[in-house]
Amino acid sequence: MDRRANLQVSTSVVCSLLACTAMAQAVSFHFDIGTQSLSSALREYARISGQQIIFTEEVVAGIESTPLTGDFSALVALHHLLAGTDLITEISPSGAVMIRAAPRLPAAERTPAGRQEK
């Protein structure tokens, strides 16, 4: 293949991959997850969405999920389940979603909302 043909094939492959990614994000799933431990809710989320999810029990211990009922994309559903927690998501190189505790700022760097430092 000449250089121009290689460029056309490469461009077609990239466009196809981008289209597949956009379609995967647009797929919605029906969730009916009641209030329960976040650990159980995340397992149910993974079962419904097919999304591989990684977390440790110590990170989610003692956290209760908010109920999630309706049709949502996997990403929107996960963000709903984690709303109000100090947990964040990170995508691993394999595509699995990792649930982690958000980094905490040292006390010296925190300022209560609405107050100005002197």
PDB file of N, CA and C in Angstrom:
ATOM      1  N   MET A   1       0.840  -1.189   0.000  1.00  0.00           N
ATOM      2  CA  MET A   1       0.000   0.000   0.000  1.00  0.00           C
ATOM      3  C   MET A   1       0.876   1.240   0.000  1.00  0.00           C
ATOM      4  N   ASP A   2       0.408   2.221  -0.730  1.00  0.00           N
ATOM      5  CA  ASP A   2       1.149   3.471  -0.697  1.00  0.00           C
ATOM      6  C   ASP A   2       0.759   4.283   0.533  1.00  0.00           C
ATOM      7  N   ARG A   3       1.443   5.353   0.747  1.00  0.00           N
ATOM      8  CA  ARG A   3       1.248   6.173   1.954  1.00  0.00           C
ATOM      9  C   ARG A   3      -0.175   6.723   2.043  1.00  0.00           C
ATOM     10  N   ARG A   4      -0.726   7.163   0.910  1.00  0.00           N
ATOM     11  CA  ARG A   4      -2.077   7.731   0.891  1.00  0.00           C
ATOM     12  C   ARG A   4      -3.109   6.668   1.271  1.00  0.00           C
ATOM     13  N   ALA A   5      -2.965   5.463   0.766  1.00  0.00           N
ATOM     14  CA  ALA A   5      -3.896   4.377   1.088  1.00  0.00           C
ATOM     15  C   ALA A   5      -3.797   4.013   2.559  1.00  0.00           C
ATOM     16  N   ASN A   6      -2.571   3.989   3.108  1.00  0.00           N
ATOM     17  CA  ASN A   6      -2.383   3.722   4.538  1.00  0.00           C
ATOM     18  C   ASN A   6      -3.093   4.773   5.386  1.00  0.00           C
ATOM     19  N   LEU A   7      -2.981   6.027   4.987  1.00  0.00           N
ATOM     20  CA  LEU A   7      -3.625   7.113   5.721  1.00  0.00           C
ATOM     21  C   LEU A   7      -5.141   6.963   5.686  1.00  0.00           C
ATOM     22  N   GLN A   8      -5.687   6.597   4.524  1.00  0.00           N
ATOM     23  CA  GLN A   8      -7.131   6.422   4.403  1.00  0.00           C
ATOM     24  C   GLN A   8      -7.619   5.267   5.269  1.00  0.00           C
ATOM     25  N   VAL A   9      -6.898   4.162   5.269  1.00  0.00           N
ATOM     26  CA  VAL A   9      -7.275   3.009   6.091  1.00  0.00           C
ATOM     27  C   VAL A   9      -7.174   3.372   7.569  1.00  0.00           C
ATOM     28  N   SER A  10      -6.098   4.046   7.964  1.00  0.00           N
ATOM     29  CA  SER A  10      -5.924   4.451   9.361  1.00  0.00           C
ATOM     30  C   SER A  10      -7.035   5.386   9.798  1.00  0.00           C
ATOM     31  N   THR A  11      -7.389   6.335   8.949  1.00  0.00           N
ATOM     32  CA  THR A  11      -8.464   7.278   9.265  1.00  0.00           C
ATOM     33  C   THR A  11      -9.788   6.543   9.414  1.00  0.00           C
ATOM     34  N   SER A  12     -10.057   5.585   8.564  1.00  0.00           N
ATOM     35  CA  SER A  12     -11.301   4.807   8.641  1.00  0.00           C
ATOM     36  C   SER A  12     -11.367   4.008   9.929  1.00  0.00           C
ATOM     37  N   VAL A  13     -10.257   3.411  10.326  1.00  0.00           N
ATOM     38  CA  VAL A  13     -10.213   2.624  11.560  1.00  0.00           C
ATOM     39  C   VAL A  13     -10.462   3.524  12.766  1.00  0.00           C
ATOM     40  N   VAL A  14      -9.816   4.675  12.814  1.00  0.00           N
ATOM     41  CA  VAL A  14      -9.993   5.604  13.932  1.00  0.00           C
ATOM     42  C   VAL A  14     -11.440   6.075  13.998  1.00  0.00           C
ATOM     43  N   CYS A  15     -12.024   6.429  12.874  1.00  0.00           N
ATOM     44  CA  CYS A  15     -13.421   6.876  12.857  1.00  0.00           C
ATOM     45  C   CYS A  15     -14.350   5.767  13.326  1.00  0.00           C
ATOM     46  N   SER A  16     -14.097   4.543  12.920  1.00  0.00           N
ATOM     47  CA  SER A  16     -14.922   3.414  13.356  1.00  0.00           C
ATOM     48  C   SER A  16     -14.822   3.219  14.860  1.00  0.00           C
ATOM     49  N   LEU A  17     -13.613   3.306  15.392  1.00  0.00           N
ATOM     50  CA  LEU A  17     -13.427   3.160  16.836  1.00  0.00           C
ATOM     51  C   LEU A  17     -14.143   4.264  17.598  1.00  0.00           C
ATOM     52  N   LEU A  18     -14.060   5.488  17.113  1.00  0.00           N
ATOM     53  CA  LEU A  18     -14.743   6.599  17.768  1.00  0.00           C
ATOM     54  C   LEU A  18     -16.255   6.413  17.716  1.00  0.00           C
ATOM     55  N   ALA A  19     -16.770   5.943  16.602  1.00  0.00           N
ATOM     56  CA  ALA A  19     -18.209   5.713  16.478  1.00  0.00           C
ATOM     57  C   ALA A  19     -18.658   4.620  17.439  1.00  0.00           C
ATOM     58  N   CYS A  20     -17.877   3.558  17.569  1.00  0.00           N
ATOM     59  CA  CYS A  20     -18.223   2.468  18.496  1.00  0.00           C
ATOM     60  C   CYS A  20     -18.215   2.964  19.932  1.00  0.00           C
ATOM     61  N   THR A  21     -17.242   3.788  20.280  1.00  0.00           N
ATOM     62  CA  THR A  21     -17.173   4.328  21.628  1.00  0.00           C
ATOM     63  C   THR A  21     -18.375   5.208  21.917  1.00  0.00           C
ATOM     64  N   ALA A  22     -18.742   6.054  20.975  1.00  0.00           N
ATOM     65  CA  ALA A  22     -19.903   6.928  21.160  1.00  0.00           C
ATOM     66  C   ALA A  22     -21.177   6.107  21.300  1.00  0.00           C
ATOM     67  N   MET A  23     -21.312   5.051  20.499  1.00  0.00           N
ATOM     68  CA  MET A  23     -22.505   4.208  20.586  1.00  0.00           C
ATOM     69  C   MET A  23     -22.561   3.494  21.929  1.00  0.00           C
ATOM     70  N   ALA A  24     -21.426   3.030  22.420  1.00  0.00           N
ATOM     71  CA  ALA A  24     -21.400   2.319  23.704  1.00  0.00           C
ATOM     72  C   ALA A  24     -21.819   3.250  24.833  1.00  0.00           C
ATOM     73  N   GLN A  25     -21.429   4.520  24.744  1.00  0.00           N
ATOM     74  CA  GLN A  25     -21.806   5.469  25.780  1.00  0.00           C
ATOM     75  C   GLN A  25     -23.289   5.809  25.697  1.00  0.00           C
ATOM     76  N   ALA A  26     -23.889   5.689  24.504  1.00  0.00           N
ATOM     77  CA  ALA A  26     -25.287   6.038  24.316  1.00  0.00           C
ATOM     78  C   ALA A  26     -26.227   4.900  24.720  1.00  0.00           C
ATOM     79  N   VAL A  27     -25.728   3.683  24.881  1.00  0.00           N
ATOM     80  CA  VAL A  27     -26.559   2.550  25.260  1.00  0.00           C
ATOM     81  C   VAL A  27     -27.086   2.760  26.670  1.00  0.00           C
ATOM     82  N   SER A  28     -28.373   2.524  26.846  1.00  0.00           N
ATOM     83  CA  SER A  28     -28.919   2.661  28.200  1.00  0.00           C
ATOM     84  C   SER A  28     -29.358   1.299  28.712  1.00  0.00           C
ATOM     85  N   PHE A  29     -29.393   1.191  30.005  1.00  0.00           N
ATOM     86  CA  PHE A  29     -29.758  -0.036  30.700  1.00  0.00           C
ATOM     87  C   PHE A  29     -30.878   0.293  31.668  1.00  0.00           C
ATOM     88  N   HIS A  30     -31.711  -0.697  31.958  1.00  0.00           N
ATOM     89  CA  HIS A  30     -32.770  -0.472  32.944  1.00  0.00           C
ATOM     90  C   HIS A  30     -32.253  -0.907  34.315  1.00  0.00           C
ATOM     91  N   PHE A  31     -32.214   0.037  35.236  1.00  0.00           N
ATOM     92  CA  PHE A  31     -31.758  -0.225  36.596  1.00  0.00           C
ATOM     93  C   PHE A  31     -32.941  -0.172  37.547  1.00  0.00           C
ATOM     94  N   ASP A  32     -32.968  -1.089  38.498  1.00  0.00           N
ATOM     95  CA  ASP A  32     -33.948  -1.071  39.585  1.00  0.00           C
ATOM     96  C   ASP A  32     -33.205  -1.516  40.840  1.00  0.00           C
ATOM     97  N   ILE A  33     -32.381  -0.608  41.344  1.00  0.00           N
ATOM     98  CA  ILE A  33     -31.519  -0.892  42.490  1.00  0.00           C
ATOM     99  C   ILE A  33     -32.042  -0.082  43.673  1.00  0.00           C
ATOM    100  N   GLY A  34     -32.520  -0.773  44.677  1.00  0.00           N
ATOM    101  CA  GLY A  34     -33.036  -0.094  45.864  1.00  0.00           C
ATOM    102  C   GLY A  34     -31.923   0.335  46.798  1.00  0.00           C
ATOM    103  N   THR A  35     -32.298   1.039  47.851  1.00  0.00           N
ATOM    104  CA  THR A  35     -31.331   1.445  48.866  1.00  0.00           C
ATOM    105  C   THR A  35     -30.757   0.187  49.507  1.00  0.00           C
ATOM    106  N   GLN A  36     -29.453   0.095  49.534  1.00  0.00           N
ATOM    107  CA  GLN A  36     -28.745  -1.067  50.086  1.00  0.00           C
ATOM    108  C   GLN A  36     -27.289  -0.678  50.294  1.00  0.00           C
ATOM    109  N   SER A  37     -26.495  -1.611  50.775  1.00  0.00           N
ATOM    110  CA  SER A  37     -25.073  -1.300  50.934  1.00  0.00           C
ATOM    111  C   SER A  37     -24.509  -0.952  49.562  1.00  0.00           C
ATOM    112  N   LEU A  38     -23.568  -0.022  49.546  1.00  0.00           N
ATOM    113  CA  LEU A  38     -22.976   0.373  48.271  1.00  0.00           C
ATOM    114  C   LEU A  38     -22.289  -0.815  47.606  1.00  0.00           C
ATOM    115  N   SER A  39     -21.716  -1.684  48.391  1.00  0.00           N
ATOM    116  CA  SER A  39     -21.073  -2.882  47.849  1.00  0.00           C
ATOM    117  C   SER A  39     -22.078  -3.708  47.039  1.00  0.00           C
ATOM    118  N   SER A  40     -23.240  -3.961  47.609  1.00  0.00           N
ATOM    119  CA  SER A  40     -24.278  -4.735  46.904  1.00  0.00           C
ATOM    120  C   SER A  40     -24.786  -3.986  45.682  1.00  0.00           C
ATOM    121  N   ALA A  41     -24.982  -2.678  45.826  1.00  0.00           N
ATOM    122  CA  ALA A  41     -25.479  -1.872  44.712  1.00  0.00           C
ATOM    123  C   ALA A  41     -24.491  -1.872  43.548  1.00  0.00           C
ATOM    124  N   LEU A  42     -23.199  -1.788  43.842  1.00  0.00           N
ATOM    125  CA  LEU A  42     -22.193  -1.799  42.783  1.00  0.00           C
ATOM    126  C   LEU A  42     -22.136  -3.147  42.081  1.00  0.00           C
ATOM    127  N   ARG A  43     -22.323  -4.224  42.821  1.00  0.00           N
ATOM    128  CA  ARG A  43     -22.352  -5.556  42.202  1.00  0.00           C
ATOM    129  C   ARG A  43     -23.571  -5.688  41.280  1.00  0.00           C
ATOM    130  N   GLU A  44     -24.709  -5.172  41.717  1.00  0.00           N
ATOM    131  CA  GLU A  44     -25.923  -5.209  40.898  1.00  0.00           C
ATOM    132  C   GLU A  44     -25.747  -4.327  39.662  1.00  0.00           C
ATOM    133  N   TYR A  45     -25.151  -3.173  39.841  1.00  0.00           N
ATOM    134  CA  TYR A  45     -24.847  -2.277  38.716  1.00  0.00           C
ATOM    135  C   TYR A  45     -23.992  -3.017  37.676  1.00  0.00           C
ATOM    136  N   ALA A  46     -22.952  -3.697  38.134  1.00  0.00           N
ATOM    137  CA  ALA A  46     -22.054  -4.419  37.225  1.00  0.00           C
ATOM    138  C   ALA A  46     -22.796  -5.539  36.496  1.00  0.00           C
ATOM    139  N   ARG A  47     -23.676  -6.231  37.211  1.00  0.00           N
ATOM    140  CA  ARG A  47     -24.448  -7.316  36.594  1.00  0.00           C
ATOM    141  C   ARG A  47     -25.343  -6.776  35.477  1.00  0.00           C
ATOM    142  N   ILE A  48     -26.000  -5.668  35.723  1.00  0.00           N
ATOM    143  CA  ILE A  48     -26.928  -5.094  34.750  1.00  0.00           C
ATOM    144  C   ILE A  48     -26.196  -4.478  33.562  1.00  0.00           C
ATOM    145  N   SER A  49     -25.164  -3.688  33.834  1.00  0.00           N
ATOM    146  CA  SER A  49     -24.486  -2.932  32.772  1.00  0.00           C
ATOM    147  C   SER A  49     -23.421  -3.744  32.038  1.00  0.00           C
ATOM    148  N   GLY A  50     -22.925  -4.807  32.674  1.00  0.00           N
ATOM    149  CA  GLY A  50     -21.836  -5.563  32.073  1.00  0.00           C
ATOM    150  C   GLY A  50     -20.488  -4.883  32.245  1.00  0.00           C
ATOM    151  N   GLN A  51     -20.473  -3.781  32.973  1.00  0.00           N
ATOM    152  CA  GLN A  51     -19.233  -3.029  33.219  1.00  0.00           C
ATOM    153  C   GLN A  51     -18.430  -3.709  34.323  1.00  0.00           C
ATOM    154  N   GLN A  52     -17.171  -4.004  34.045  1.00  0.00           N
ATOM    155  CA  GLN A  52     -16.310  -4.553  35.093  1.00  0.00           C
ATOM    156  C   GLN A  52     -15.991  -3.434  36.065  1.00  0.00           C
ATOM    157  N   ILE A  53     -16.147  -3.717  37.346  1.00  0.00           N
ATOM    158  CA  ILE A  53     -15.952  -2.699  38.370  1.00  0.00           C
ATOM    159  C   ILE A  53     -15.040  -3.255  39.455  1.00  0.00           C
ATOM    160  N   ILE A  54     -14.112  -2.443  39.917  1.00  0.00           N
ATOM    161  CA  ILE A  54     -13.124  -2.876  40.904  1.00  0.00           C
ATOM    162  C   ILE A  54     -13.210  -1.961  42.115  1.00  0.00           C
ATOM    163  N   PHE A  55     -13.381  -2.536  43.296  1.00  0.00           N
ATOM    164  CA  PHE A  55     -13.374  -1.763  44.538  1.00  0.00           C
ATOM    165  C   PHE A  55     -13.041  -2.710  45.676  1.00  0.00           C
ATOM    166  N   THR A  56     -12.600  -2.152  46.782  1.00  0.00           N
ATOM    167  CA  THR A  56     -12.352  -2.965  47.968  1.00  0.00           C
ATOM    168  C   THR A  56     -13.497  -2.721  48.945  1.00  0.00           C
ATOM    169  N   GLU A  57     -13.775  -3.708  49.740  1.00  0.00           N
ATOM    170  CA  GLU A  57     -14.848  -3.586  50.726  1.00  0.00           C
ATOM    171  C   GLU A  57     -14.556  -2.469  51.726  1.00  0.00           C
ATOM    172  N   GLU A  58     -13.281  -2.265  52.054  1.00  0.00           N
ATOM    173  CA  GLU A  58     -12.970  -1.220  53.033  1.00  0.00           C
ATOM    174  C   GLU A  58     -13.271   0.172  52.495  1.00  0.00           C
ATOM    175  N   VAL A  59     -13.171   0.375  51.181  1.00  0.00           N
ATOM    176  CA  VAL A  59     -13.464   1.685  50.595  1.00  0.00           C
ATOM    177  C   VAL A  59     -14.961   2.001  50.651  1.00  0.00           C
ATOM    178  N   VAL A  60     -15.819   0.980  50.509  1.00  0.00           N
ATOM    179  CA  VAL A  60     -17.266   1.215  50.463  1.00  0.00           C
ATOM    180  C   VAL A  60     -17.975   0.850  51.768  1.00  0.00           C
ATOM    181  N   ALA A  61     -17.222   0.373  52.737  1.00  0.00           N
ATOM    182  CA  ALA A  61     -17.823  -0.076  54.003  1.00  0.00           C
ATOM    183  C   ALA A  61     -18.619   1.047  54.667  1.00  0.00           C
ATOM    184  N   GLY A  62     -19.815   0.702  55.120  1.00  0.00           N
ATOM    185  CA  GLY A  62     -20.644   1.649  55.853  1.00  0.00           C
ATOM    186  C   GLY A  62     -21.360   2.675  54.990  1.00  0.00           C
ATOM    187  N   ILE A  63     -21.216   2.594  53.669  1.00  0.00           N
ATOM    188  CA  ILE A  63     -21.880   3.551  52.774  1.00  0.00           C
ATOM    189  C   ILE A  63     -23.122   2.891  52.193  1.00  0.00           C
ATOM    190  N   GLU A  64     -24.222   3.605  52.256  1.00  0.00           N
ATOM    191  CA  GLU A  64     -25.478   3.114  51.699  1.00  0.00           C
ATOM    192  C   GLU A  64     -25.708   3.791  50.350  1.00  0.00           C
ATOM    193  N   SER A  65     -26.203   3.022  49.398  1.00  0.00           N
ATOM    194  CA  SER A  65     -26.460   3.584  48.070  1.00  0.00           C
ATOM    195  C   SER A  65     -27.766   4.353  48.054  1.00  0.00           C
ATOM    196  N   THR A  66     -27.871   5.255  47.107  1.00  0.00           N
ATOM    197  CA  THR A  66     -29.157   5.891  46.849  1.00  0.00           C
ATOM    198  C   THR A  66     -29.896   4.979  45.876  1.00  0.00           C
ATOM    199  N   PRO A  67     -31.218   4.970  45.909  1.00  0.00           N
ATOM    200  CA  PRO A  67     -31.941   4.116  44.961  1.00  0.00           C
ATOM    201  C   PRO A  67     -31.738   4.598  43.528  1.00  0.00           C
ATOM    202  N   LEU A  68     -31.740   3.664  42.611  1.00  0.00           N
ATOM    203  CA  LEU A  68     -31.560   3.983  41.192  1.00  0.00           C
ATOM    204  C   LEU A  68     -32.584   3.185  40.400  1.00  0.00           C
ATOM    205  N   THR A  69     -33.555   3.885  39.843  1.00  0.00           N
ATOM    206  CA  THR A  69     -34.599   3.218  39.070  1.00  0.00           C
ATOM    207  C   THR A  69     -34.808   3.984  37.778  1.00  0.00           C
ATOM    208  N   GLY A  70     -34.755   3.264  36.672  1.00  0.00           N
ATOM    209  CA  GLY A  70     -34.994   3.868  35.362  1.00  0.00           C
ATOM    210  C   GLY A  70     -33.948   3.449  34.358  1.00  0.00           C
ATOM    211  N   ASP A  71     -34.004   4.073  33.200  1.00  0.00           N
ATOM    212  CA  ASP A  71     -33.077   3.777  32.113  1.00  0.00           C
ATOM    213  C   ASP A  71     -31.983   4.840  32.065  1.00  0.00           C
ATOM    214  N   PHE A  72     -30.741   4.380  32.179  1.00  0.00           N
ATOM    215  CA  PHE A  72     -29.592   5.281  32.214  1.00  0.00           C
ATOM    216  C   PHE A  72     -28.426   4.649  31.457  1.00  0.00           C
ATOM    217  N   SER A  73     -27.512   5.482  30.992  1.00  0.00           N
ATOM    218  CA  SER A  73     -26.248   4.943  30.481  1.00  0.00           C
ATOM    219  C   SER A  73     -25.484   4.415  31.690  1.00  0.00           C
ATOM    220  N   ALA A  74     -24.524   3.556  31.439  1.00  0.00           N
ATOM    221  CA  ALA A  74     -23.742   2.982  32.539  1.00  0.00           C
ATOM    222  C   ALA A  74     -23.034   4.085  33.329  1.00  0.00           C
ATOM    223  N   LEU A  75     -22.508   5.072  32.641  1.00  0.00           N
ATOM    224  CA  LEU A  75     -21.769   6.147  33.309  1.00  0.00           C
ATOM    225  C   LEU A  75     -22.674   6.994  34.199  1.00  0.00           C
ATOM    226  N   VAL A  76     -23.832   7.382  33.675  1.00  0.00           N
ATOM    227  CA  VAL A  76     -24.763   8.196  34.460  1.00  0.00           C
ATOM    228  C   VAL A  76     -25.247   7.416  35.676  1.00  0.00           C
ATOM    229  N   ALA A  77     -25.542   6.137  35.494  1.00  0.00           N
ATOM    230  CA  ALA A  77     -26.012   5.302  36.609  1.00  0.00           C
ATOM    231  C   ALA A  77     -24.949   5.200  37.701  1.00  0.00           C
ATOM    232  N   LEU A  78     -23.709   4.995  37.311  1.00  0.00           N
ATOM    233  CA  LEU A  78     -22.636   4.877  38.290  1.00  0.00           C
ATOM    234  C   LEU A  78     -22.460   6.186  39.055  1.00  0.00           C
ATOM    235  N   HIS A  79     -22.497   7.293  38.367  1.00  0.00           N
ATOM    236  CA  HIS A  79     -22.355   8.588  39.041  1.00  0.00           C
ATOM    237  C   HIS A  79     -23.512   8.825  40.007  1.00  0.00           C
ATOM    238  N   HIS A  80     -24.695   8.362  39.656  1.00  0.00           N
ATOM    239  CA  HIS A  80     -25.840   8.485  40.561  1.00  0.00           C
ATOM    240  C   HIS A  80     -25.605   7.653  41.830  1.00  0.00           C
ATOM    241  N   LEU A  81     -25.117   6.421  41.656  1.00  0.00           N
ATOM    242  CA  LEU A  81     -24.871   5.562  42.821  1.00  0.00           C
ATOM    243  C   LEU A  81     -23.808   6.138  43.749  1.00  0.00           C
ATOM    244  N   LEU A  82     -22.846   6.839  43.187  1.00  0.00           N
ATOM    245  CA  LEU A  82     -21.742   7.384  43.990  1.00  0.00           C
ATOM    246  C   LEU A  82     -21.997   8.809  44.488  1.00  0.00           C
ATOM    247  N   ALA A  83     -23.110   9.416  44.075  1.00  0.00           N
ATOM    248  CA  ALA A  83     -23.410  10.799  44.472  1.00  0.00           C
ATOM    249  C   ALA A  83     -23.472  10.906  45.991  1.00  0.00           C
ATOM    250  N   GLY A  84     -22.864  11.949  46.526  1.00  0.00           N
ATOM    251  CA  GLY A  84     -22.881  12.200  47.959  1.00  0.00           C
ATOM    252  C   GLY A  84     -21.841  11.419  48.740  1.00  0.00           C
ATOM    253  N   THR A  85     -21.022  10.646  48.047  1.00  0.00           N
ATOM    254  CA  THR A  85     -19.935   9.919  48.719  1.00  0.00           C
ATOM    255  C   THR A  85     -18.630  10.650  48.436  1.00  0.00           C
ATOM    256  N   ASP A  86     -17.587  10.263  49.107  1.00  0.00           N
ATOM    257  CA  ASP A  86     -16.259  10.811  48.826  1.00  0.00           C
ATOM    258  C   ASP A  86     -15.487   9.865  47.918  1.00  0.00           C
ATOM    259  N   LEU A  87     -16.209   9.192  47.022  1.00  0.00           N
ATOM    260  CA  LEU A  87     -15.585   8.219  46.140  1.00  0.00           C
ATOM    261  C   LEU A  87     -15.498   8.765  44.724  1.00  0.00           C
ATOM    262  N   ILE A  88     -14.444   8.354  44.030  1.00  0.00           N
ATOM    263  CA  ILE A  88     -14.237   8.766  42.646  1.00  0.00           C
ATOM    264  C   ILE A  88     -14.042   7.530  41.784  1.00  0.00           C
ATOM    265  N   THR A  89     -14.169   7.710  40.481  1.00  0.00           N
ATOM    266  CA  THR A  89     -13.941   6.615  39.546  1.00  0.00           C
ATOM    267  C   THR A  89     -12.679   6.892  38.737  1.00  0.00           C
ATOM    268  N   GLU A  90     -12.069   5.816  38.327  1.00  0.00           N
ATOM    269  CA  GLU A  90     -10.891   5.898  37.470  1.00  0.00           C
ATOM    270  C   GLU A  90     -10.975   4.717  36.519  1.00  0.00           C
ATOM    271  N   ILE A  91     -10.724   4.945  35.246  1.00  0.00           N
ATOM    272  CA  ILE A  91     -10.780   3.876  34.261  1.00  0.00           C
ATOM    273  C   ILE A  91      -9.391   3.244  34.152  1.00  0.00           C
ATOM    274  N   SER A  92      -9.342   1.925  34.319  1.00  0.00           N
ATOM    275  CA  SER A  92      -8.066   1.216  34.217  1.00  0.00           C
ATOM    276  C   SER A  92      -7.728   1.021  32.738  1.00  0.00           C
ATOM    277  N   PRO A  93      -6.489   0.680  32.428  1.00  0.00           N
ATOM    278  CA  PRO A  93      -6.117   0.445  31.028  1.00  0.00           C
ATOM    279  C   PRO A  93      -6.962  -0.651  30.369  1.00  0.00           C
ATOM    280  N   SER A  94      -7.481  -1.587  31.151  1.00  0.00           N
ATOM    281  CA  SER A  94      -8.299  -2.667  30.583  1.00  0.00           C
ATOM    282  C   SER A  94      -9.744  -2.236  30.344  1.00  0.00           C
ATOM    283  N   GLY A  95     -10.108  -1.027  30.819  1.00  0.00           N
ATOM    284  CA  GLY A  95     -11.473  -0.547  30.655  1.00  0.00           C
ATOM    285  C   GLY A  95     -12.341  -0.751  31.881  1.00  0.00           C
ATOM    286  N   ALA A  96     -11.810  -1.414  32.888  1.00  0.00           N
ATOM    287  CA  ALA A  96     -12.563  -1.612  34.132  1.00  0.00           C
ATOM    288  C   ALA A  96     -12.631  -0.285  34.887  1.00  0.00           C
ATOM    289  N   VAL A  97     -13.714  -0.104  35.619  1.00  0.00           N
ATOM    290  CA  VAL A  97     -13.877   1.102  36.425  1.00  0.00           C
ATOM    291  C   VAL A  97     -13.423   0.795  37.836  1.00  0.00           C
ATOM    292  N   MET A  98     -12.493   1.599  38.329  1.00  0.00           N
ATOM    293  CA  MET A  98     -12.006   1.432  39.695  1.00  0.00           C
ATOM    294  C   MET A  98     -12.663   2.490  40.574  1.00  0.00           C
ATOM    295  N   ILE A  99     -13.150   2.075  41.743  1.00  0.00           N
ATOM    296  CA  ILE A  99     -13.754   2.987  42.706  1.00  0.00           C
ATOM    297  C   ILE A  99     -12.714   3.236  43.792  1.00  0.00           C
ATOM    298  N   ARG A 100     -12.407   4.513  44.023  1.00  0.00           N
ATOM    299  CA  ARG A 100     -11.398   4.863  45.022  1.00  0.00           C
ATOM    300  C   ARG A 100     -11.891   6.008  45.881  1.00  0.00           C
ATOM    301  N   ALA A 101     -11.277   6.147  47.031  1.00  0.00           N
ATOM    302  CA  ALA A 101     -11.568   7.296  47.889  1.00  0.00           C
ATOM    303  C   ALA A 101     -10.913   8.522  47.264  1.00  0.00           C
ATOM    304  N   ALA A 102     -11.616   9.639  47.295  1.00  0.00           N
ATOM    305  CA  ALA A 102     -11.056  10.885  46.763  1.00  0.00           C
ATOM    306  C   ALA A 102      -9.886  11.317  47.636  1.00  0.00           C
ATOM    307  N   PRO A 103      -8.849  11.870  47.036  1.00  0.00           N
ATOM    308  CA  PRO A 103      -7.728  12.360  47.847  1.00  0.00           C
ATOM    309  C   PRO A 103      -8.209  13.481  48.771  1.00  0.00           C
ATOM    310  N   ARG A 104      -7.699  13.489  49.951  1.00  0.00           N
ATOM    311  CA  ARG A 104      -8.083  14.520  50.928  1.00  0.00           C
ATOM    312  C   ARG A 104      -7.013  15.590  50.981  1.00  0.00           C
ATOM    313  N   LEU A 105      -7.476  16.834  51.086  1.00  0.00           N
ATOM    314  CA  LEU A 105      -6.545  17.951  51.229  1.00  0.00           C
ATOM    315  C   LEU A 105      -6.061  18.018  52.668  1.00  0.00           C
ATOM    316  N   PRO A 106      -4.810  18.383  52.882  1.00  0.00           N
ATOM    317  CA  PRO A 106      -4.348  18.600  54.253  1.00  0.00           C
ATOM    318  C   PRO A 106      -5.193  19.697  54.910  1.00  0.00           C
ATOM    319  N   ALA A 107      -5.380  19.631  56.209  1.00  0.00           N
ATOM    320  CA  ALA A 107      -6.218  20.587  56.945  1.00  0.00           C
ATOM    321  C   ALA A 107      -5.817  22.022  56.657  1.00  0.00           C
ATOM    322  N   ALA A 108      -4.529  22.276  56.495  1.00  0.00           N
ATOM    323  CA  ALA A 108      -4.062  23.645  56.247  1.00  0.00           C
ATOM    324  C   ALA A 108      -4.572  24.189  54.915  1.00  0.00           C
ATOM    325  N   GLU A 109      -4.910  23.309  53.962  1.00  0.00           N
ATOM    326  CA  GLU A 109      -5.361  23.752  52.644  1.00  0.00           C
ATOM    327  C   GLU A 109      -6.878  23.863  52.555  1.00  0.00           C
ATOM    328  N   ARG A 110      -7.610  23.392  53.552  1.00  0.00           N
ATOM    329  CA  ARG A 110      -9.073  23.445  53.520  1.00  0.00           C
ATOM    330  C   ARG A 110      -9.570  24.743  54.118  1.00  0.00           C
ATOM    331  N   THR A 111     -10.554  25.330  53.453  1.00  0.00           N
ATOM    332  CA  THR A 111     -11.205  26.523  53.967  1.00  0.00           C
ATOM    333  C   THR A 111     -12.698  26.269  53.904  1.00  0.00           C
ATOM    334  N   PRO A 112     -13.406  26.428  55.026  1.00  0.00           N
ATOM    335  CA  PRO A 112     -14.856  26.206  54.989  1.00  0.00           C
ATOM    336  C   PRO A 112     -15.518  27.101  53.949  1.00  0.00           C
ATOM    337  N   ALA A 113     -16.540  26.558  53.278  1.00  0.00           N
ATOM    338  CA  ALA A 113     -17.246  27.322  52.245  1.00  0.00           C
ATOM    339  C   ALA A 113     -17.775  28.621  52.819  1.00  0.00           C
ATOM    340  N   GLY A 114     -17.633  29.687  52.054  1.00  0.00           N
ATOM    341  CA  GLY A 114     -18.172  30.965  52.475  1.00  0.00           C
ATOM    342  C   GLY A 114     -17.247  31.773  53.381  1.00  0.00           C
ATOM    343  N   ARG A 115     -16.139  31.189  53.825  1.00  0.00           N
ATOM    344  CA  ARG A 115     -15.202  31.925  54.691  1.00  0.00           C
ATOM    345  C   ARG A 115     -13.951  32.256  53.893  1.00  0.00           C
ATOM    346  N   GLN A 116     -13.388  33.370  54.161  1.00  0.00           N
ATOM    347  CA  GLN A 116     -12.156  33.760  53.521  1.00  0.00           C
ATOM    348  C   GLN A 116     -11.020  33.647  54.512  1.00  0.00           C
ATOM    349  N   GLU A 117      -9.871  33.236  53.988  1.00  0.00           N
ATOM    350  CA  GLU A 117      -8.704  33.160  54.860  1.00  0.00           C
ATOM    351  C   GLU A 117      -8.212  34.560  55.166  1.00  0.00           C
ATOM    352  N   LYS A 118      -7.637  34.730  56.347  1.00  0.00           N
ATOM    353  CA  LYS A 118      -7.112  36.038  56.755  1.00  0.00           C
ATOM    354  C   LYS A 118      -5.637  36.115  56.490  1.00  0.00           C
TER     355      LYS A 118
END
